[in-house]
Protein backbone atom coordinates (compact mmCIF):
# COMPACT_ATOMS: atom_id res chain seq x y z
CA MET A 1 125.19 100.28 116.15
CA THR A 2 126.07 103.65 115.51
CA ASP A 3 124.50 106.47 112.99
CA GLU A 4 127.45 105.85 110.68
CA PHE A 5 126.90 102.31 110.25
CA ARG A 6 123.19 102.10 110.71
CA PRO A 7 121.78 100.02 107.96
CA ARG A 8 119.28 101.83 105.58
CA ARG A 9 119.63 99.38 102.70
CA SER A 10 115.89 99.23 102.44
CA VAL A 11 113.72 102.34 103.05
CA LEU A 12 110.13 101.57 102.43
CA TYR A 13 107.38 104.18 101.66
CA ILE A 14 104.04 103.19 103.43
CA PRO A 15 100.94 105.07 102.75
CA ALA A 16 99.72 106.17 106.30
CA ALA A 17 96.07 106.23 105.10
CA ASN A 18 96.19 102.39 104.52
CA GLU A 19 95.56 100.70 107.79
CA ARG A 20 96.35 97.10 105.96
CA ALA A 21 99.74 98.35 104.91
CA LEU A 22 100.39 99.74 108.26
CA GLU A 23 99.72 96.30 109.90
CA LYS A 24 101.72 94.53 107.14
CA ALA A 25 104.73 96.62 107.63
CA LYS A 26 105.34 95.25 110.87
CA SER A 27 106.39 92.16 109.53
CA ILE A 28 108.59 93.42 106.56
CA ALA A 29 112.18 93.11 106.70
CA CYS A 30 113.02 96.53 105.66
CA ASP A 31 115.48 98.52 107.43
CA ALA A 32 113.59 101.68 107.70
CA ILE A 33 110.01 102.98 107.04
CA ILE A 34 108.62 106.33 105.79
CA PHE A 35 105.11 106.66 106.76
CA ASP A 36 103.90 108.90 103.85
CA LEU A 37 101.39 111.69 104.45
CA GLU A 38 102.24 113.35 100.87
CA ASP A 39 102.00 111.68 97.59
CA ALA A 40 100.27 108.45 98.64
CA VAL A 41 97.37 110.21 100.56
CA ALA A 42 94.50 111.79 99.12
CA PRO A 43 93.72 115.58 100.30
CA ASP A 44 90.67 114.31 102.30
CA ALA A 45 92.26 111.50 104.06
CA LYS A 46 95.52 113.46 105.26
CA PRO A 47 94.34 114.34 108.57
CA ALA A 48 93.36 110.69 109.36
CA ALA A 49 96.51 109.46 107.96
CA ARG A 50 98.52 111.84 110.11
CA ALA A 51 96.95 110.44 113.30
CA ARG A 52 97.63 106.94 112.21
CA ALA A 53 101.26 107.83 111.39
CA VAL A 54 101.81 109.32 114.71
CA ASP A 55 100.03 106.39 116.54
CA ALA A 56 102.31 103.89 114.41
CA VAL A 57 105.38 105.67 115.60
CA ARG A 58 104.36 105.78 119.06
CA ALA A 59 103.02 102.33 119.17
CA GLY A 60 106.42 100.53 119.48
CA GLU A 61 105.37 97.69 117.29
CA TYR A 62 107.79 97.97 114.45
CA GLY A 63 110.80 96.22 116.09
CA ARG A 64 114.31 98.02 115.47
CA ARG A 65 113.15 99.54 112.03
CA GLU A 66 113.88 103.19 111.75
CA LEU A 67 110.60 104.86 111.66
CA THR A 68 110.10 108.10 109.85
CA ILE A 69 107.26 110.41 108.54
CA ARG A 70 106.85 112.21 105.43
CA CYS A 71 105.00 115.45 105.70
CA ASN A 72 103.30 117.52 103.47
CA GLY A 73 105.07 120.84 102.32
CA LEU A 74 104.73 124.11 104.24
CA ALA A 75 103.21 125.72 101.26
CA THR A 76 100.20 123.10 101.30
CA PRO A 77 97.24 123.35 103.72
CA TRP A 78 98.45 120.22 105.78
CA GLY A 79 102.20 120.91 106.23
CA ARG A 80 102.23 123.13 109.38
CA ASP A 81 99.97 120.59 111.19
CA ASP A 82 101.81 117.64 109.91
CA LEU A 83 105.33 119.13 111.40
CA VAL A 84 103.86 120.00 114.77
CA ALA A 85 102.50 116.49 115.03
CA VAL A 86 105.39 114.87 113.96
CA GLY A 87 107.64 116.97 116.25
CA ALA A 88 105.43 115.76 119.20
CA ALA A 89 105.70 112.21 118.20
CA ALA A 90 109.42 112.21 117.98
CA PRO A 91 109.93 109.61 115.11
CA ALA A 92 113.72 108.77 114.05
CA ALA A 93 113.14 111.54 111.48
CA VAL A 94 110.79 113.66 109.24
CA VAL A 95 111.24 113.40 105.65
CA VAL A 96 110.49 116.85 104.11
CA PRO A 97 109.73 116.95 100.21
CA LYS A 98 111.08 119.38 97.94
CA VAL A 99 113.77 120.93 100.01
CA ASP A 100 115.02 123.73 97.62
CA SER A 101 117.25 125.46 99.99
CA ALA A 102 118.97 125.71 103.42
CA SER A 103 116.35 128.46 104.21
CA TYR A 104 113.61 126.29 103.90
CA VAL A 105 115.20 123.78 106.26
CA ASP A 106 115.33 126.66 108.73
CA GLU A 107 111.46 127.42 108.18
CA VAL A 108 110.80 123.49 108.65
CA THR A 109 112.86 123.61 111.72
CA ALA A 110 111.23 126.59 113.36
CA VAL A 111 107.55 124.93 112.77
CA LEU A 112 108.85 121.50 113.91
CA ASP A 113 110.25 122.84 117.12
CA THR A 114 107.24 124.23 118.34
CA ALA A 115 106.70 120.75 119.72
CA LEU A 116 109.58 121.34 122.24
CA ASP A 117 107.45 123.84 123.72
CA SER A 118 104.90 121.18 124.45
CA GLY A 119 107.19 118.86 126.33
CA ALA A 120 108.79 116.95 123.33
CA ALA A 121 112.14 115.57 124.40
CA GLU A 122 114.58 116.19 121.63
CA PRO A 123 114.48 118.06 118.23
CA VAL A 124 113.47 115.66 115.43
CA PRO A 125 116.21 115.16 112.64
CA ILE A 126 115.27 116.05 108.99
CA TRP A 127 115.75 113.83 105.72
CA ALA A 128 115.68 116.07 103.17
CA MET A 129 114.42 115.33 99.74
CA ILE A 130 116.30 116.27 96.76
CA GLU A 131 113.76 116.58 93.86
CA THR A 132 114.14 119.75 92.07
CA PRO A 133 116.72 121.86 89.94
CA THR A 134 117.01 124.39 92.62
CA ALA A 135 117.90 121.63 95.15
CA ILE A 136 120.52 120.33 93.30
CA LEU A 137 122.17 123.87 92.90
CA ASP A 138 121.88 124.54 96.65
CA VAL A 139 122.54 120.73 97.88
CA ARG A 140 125.95 121.49 99.31
CA ALA A 141 124.25 123.92 101.95
CA ILE A 142 121.14 121.66 102.34
CA ALA A 143 123.48 118.79 103.11
CA ALA A 144 125.50 120.80 105.48
CA HIS A 145 122.55 121.95 107.55
CA PRO A 146 122.82 120.75 111.11
CA ARG A 147 119.37 119.43 111.25
CA VAL A 148 119.83 117.41 108.07
CA ASP A 149 120.96 113.77 108.61
CA VAL A 150 119.99 112.15 105.26
CA LEU A 151 119.45 113.30 101.72
CA ILE A 152 116.81 111.33 99.74
CA MET A 153 116.74 111.56 96.03
CA GLY A 154 113.46 112.30 94.50
CA THR A 155 114.18 111.00 91.01
CA ASN A 156 110.82 111.13 89.69
CA ASP A 157 110.03 114.71 90.33
CA LEU A 158 113.52 115.81 89.50
CA ALA A 159 112.99 113.98 86.10
CA ARG A 160 109.80 115.69 85.57
CA GLU A 161 111.07 119.22 86.42
CA LEU A 162 114.09 118.62 84.06
CA ARG A 163 111.57 117.79 81.52
CA ALA A 164 113.79 114.54 81.22
CA PRO A 165 112.40 110.86 80.59
CA LEU A 166 112.90 108.12 82.93
CA VAL A 167 115.12 105.93 81.32
CA LYS A 168 116.96 102.49 82.09
CA GLY A 169 120.49 103.31 83.28
CA ARG A 170 119.55 107.16 84.21
CA ALA A 171 122.36 108.41 82.24
CA ASN A 172 120.39 111.62 81.98
CA LEU A 173 120.41 111.90 85.88
CA MET A 174 123.86 110.79 86.63
CA ALA A 175 125.58 114.30 87.03
CA HIS A 176 122.69 115.19 89.48
CA LEU A 177 122.87 111.94 91.52
CA ALA A 178 126.74 112.35 91.71
CA THR A 179 126.45 116.10 92.72
CA ALA A 180 124.02 115.16 95.67
CA LEU A 181 126.10 112.36 96.69
CA LEU A 182 129.14 114.47 96.84
CA ALA A 183 127.30 117.12 99.02
CA ALA A 184 126.26 114.40 101.41
CA ARG A 185 129.71 112.94 101.73
CA ALA A 186 131.30 116.22 102.24
CA ALA A 187 128.85 117.02 105.00
CA GLY A 188 128.98 113.71 106.57
CA THR A 189 125.52 112.77 105.93
CA ALA A 190 124.08 109.60 104.42
CA ALA A 191 122.32 109.63 101.08
CA LEU A 192 119.43 107.37 99.72
CA ASP A 193 118.73 106.59 96.09
CA GLY A 194 115.57 107.33 94.54
CA VAL A 195 112.46 104.80 93.95
CA TYR A 196 112.14 102.40 90.89
CA ASN A 197 108.80 102.53 89.47
CA ASP A 198 108.31 99.25 87.68
CA VAL A 199 107.44 96.80 90.35
CA GLY A 200 107.36 94.02 87.88
CA ASP A 201 110.76 94.36 86.63
CA ALA A 202 112.98 92.50 88.87
CA ASP A 203 115.99 92.71 86.52
CA GLY A 204 115.89 96.38 86.05
CA PHE A 205 115.50 97.01 89.83
CA ALA A 206 118.49 94.86 90.58
CA ALA A 207 120.55 96.64 87.83
CA GLU A 208 119.61 99.99 89.51
CA CYS A 209 120.55 98.76 92.96
CA ARG A 210 123.88 97.81 91.59
CA GLN A 211 124.09 101.19 90.06
CA GLY A 212 123.11 102.90 93.34
CA VAL A 213 126.02 100.67 95.34
CA GLU A 214 128.57 101.48 92.99
CA LEU A 215 127.75 105.29 93.00
CA GLY A 216 128.00 105.09 96.94
CA PHE A 217 124.40 105.54 98.12
CA ASP A 218 123.65 104.13 101.62
CA GLY A 219 120.31 102.51 100.38
CA LYS A 220 117.44 102.80 98.20
CA THR A 221 113.74 104.21 98.87
CA LEU A 222 111.16 101.58 98.02
CA ILE A 223 107.56 101.58 96.76
CA HIS A 224 106.73 97.83 97.22
CA PRO A 225 107.56 95.20 99.69
CA SER A 226 108.84 92.80 97.06
CA GLN A 227 111.93 95.29 96.36
CA VAL A 228 112.88 95.11 100.08
CA GLU A 229 114.94 91.80 99.76
CA PRO A 230 116.81 92.55 96.67
CA ALA A 231 117.78 95.92 98.14
CA ASN A 232 118.84 94.30 101.26
CA ARG A 233 120.95 91.98 99.48
CA ALA A 234 122.50 94.43 97.23
CA TRP A 235 123.60 96.64 100.13
CA SER A 236 124.87 93.95 102.23
CA PRO A 237 128.55 92.86 102.25
CA SER A 238 128.85 89.43 100.61
CA ASP A 239 130.54 86.51 102.53
CA ASP A 240 133.43 86.85 100.21
CA GLU A 241 133.76 90.66 100.79
CA ILE A 242 133.62 89.89 104.71
CA GLU A 243 136.25 87.11 104.51
CA LEU A 244 138.69 89.38 102.21
CA ALA A 245 138.17 92.11 104.86
CA ARG A 246 139.26 89.86 107.59
CA ARG A 247 142.19 88.80 105.77
CA ILE A 248 143.35 92.43 105.01
CA ILE A 249 142.88 93.48 108.47
CA ASP A 250 144.89 90.54 109.89
CA ALA A 251 147.59 90.91 107.26
CA TYR A 252 148.05 94.47 108.04
CA THR A 253 147.90 94.03 111.64
CA GLU A 254 150.69 91.12 111.41
CA ALA A 255 152.77 93.50 109.20
CA GLU A 256 152.74 96.15 111.61
CA ALA A 257 153.77 93.89 114.54
CA ASP A 258 156.79 92.63 112.35
CA GLY A 259 157.68 96.18 111.23
CA ARG A 260 157.14 95.50 107.59
CA GLY A 261 156.30 98.44 105.38
CA VAL A 262 154.87 96.41 102.61
CA VAL A 263 151.45 94.30 102.98
CA THR A 264 150.09 92.23 100.38
CA VAL A 265 146.89 90.18 99.99
CA ASP A 266 146.16 88.09 97.07
CA GLY A 267 149.05 89.70 95.34
CA ARG A 268 147.59 93.18 95.78
CA MET A 269 149.34 96.06 97.86
CA ILE A 270 147.47 96.84 100.92
CA GLU A 271 147.41 100.69 102.18
CA HIS A 272 145.63 102.23 104.93
CA LEU A 273 142.64 103.08 102.81
CA HIS A 274 142.17 99.45 102.00
CA VAL A 275 142.45 98.67 105.82
CA ALA A 276 139.79 101.33 106.47
CA ASN A 277 137.34 100.10 103.75
CA ALA A 278 137.74 96.65 105.41
CA ARG A 279 136.85 97.85 108.89
CA ARG A 280 133.89 99.64 107.38
CA THR A 281 132.73 96.44 105.66
CA LEU A 282 132.98 94.41 108.87
CA ALA A 283 131.24 97.31 110.86
CA ILE A 284 128.25 97.28 108.34
CA ALA A 285 128.09 93.39 108.44
CA GLU A 286 127.93 93.61 112.24
CA ALA A 287 125.39 96.21 112.07
CA ILE A 288 123.25 94.35 109.71
CA ARG A 289 123.60 91.15 111.79
CA ASP A 290 122.53 93.28 114.89
CA LEU A 291 119.25 94.77 113.16
CA SER A 292 118.43 91.45 111.75
CA SER A 293 118.58 89.54 114.92
CA SER A 294 116.13 91.83 116.81
């Protein structure tokens, strides 16, 4: 499994202060976990939550799930200690809230890498949360920062700062989601869609997942275990898509061998881009099977 095809269909926030939630997460079929030290943790519980998150990452009890930790911002009383602890724990990534600029990523990196002086093996990648108007305006530079591997849309905070309501269909946020996604693709980084707040609205959640897939996001951040299976399903190639991808590749390979310049499948002209998409579909399906079998 390569980073390009690493499944991040379902990325579940887990409050690091909640021991029961930490234990339950070991059996949830999400692709990745964000152990949260920020919004989901009360101020007086943050130091203990930090210790639990670090222990969870080091325990090795979460299978092949990608484990990350969301720290508090540098402007808070806990941010610097969070980053130092996370740097030493070496999770798959540190999730940084309210990244407004590439220069802020530099500040975070400088603190995070103090752990390297204490014997940490490698620098920890950064997943940057895009959740302010300033971030949208500088998102291309943020996405291109060498330490940023993933952009996460913080749609709740973004809507609040825009003074925009959270509405079904997110028409009022489409331009900002598309701008961030363009920046991610231009930089070769992954991009994760924001959370869906109404846990009881299964139809609304499914519709927003479809929208996220159609926009091109790599997966969705989640706030409840019940959202994992629908997200996994939405971002997994269907059996029909896998079968079509195989037929496209077979037809194109046969045409090349015969010296034919025109290839059709189901009456549709097949070009290099269709073959590339088909190969990507099969690679993603293989990566999902690999993750699911572990």
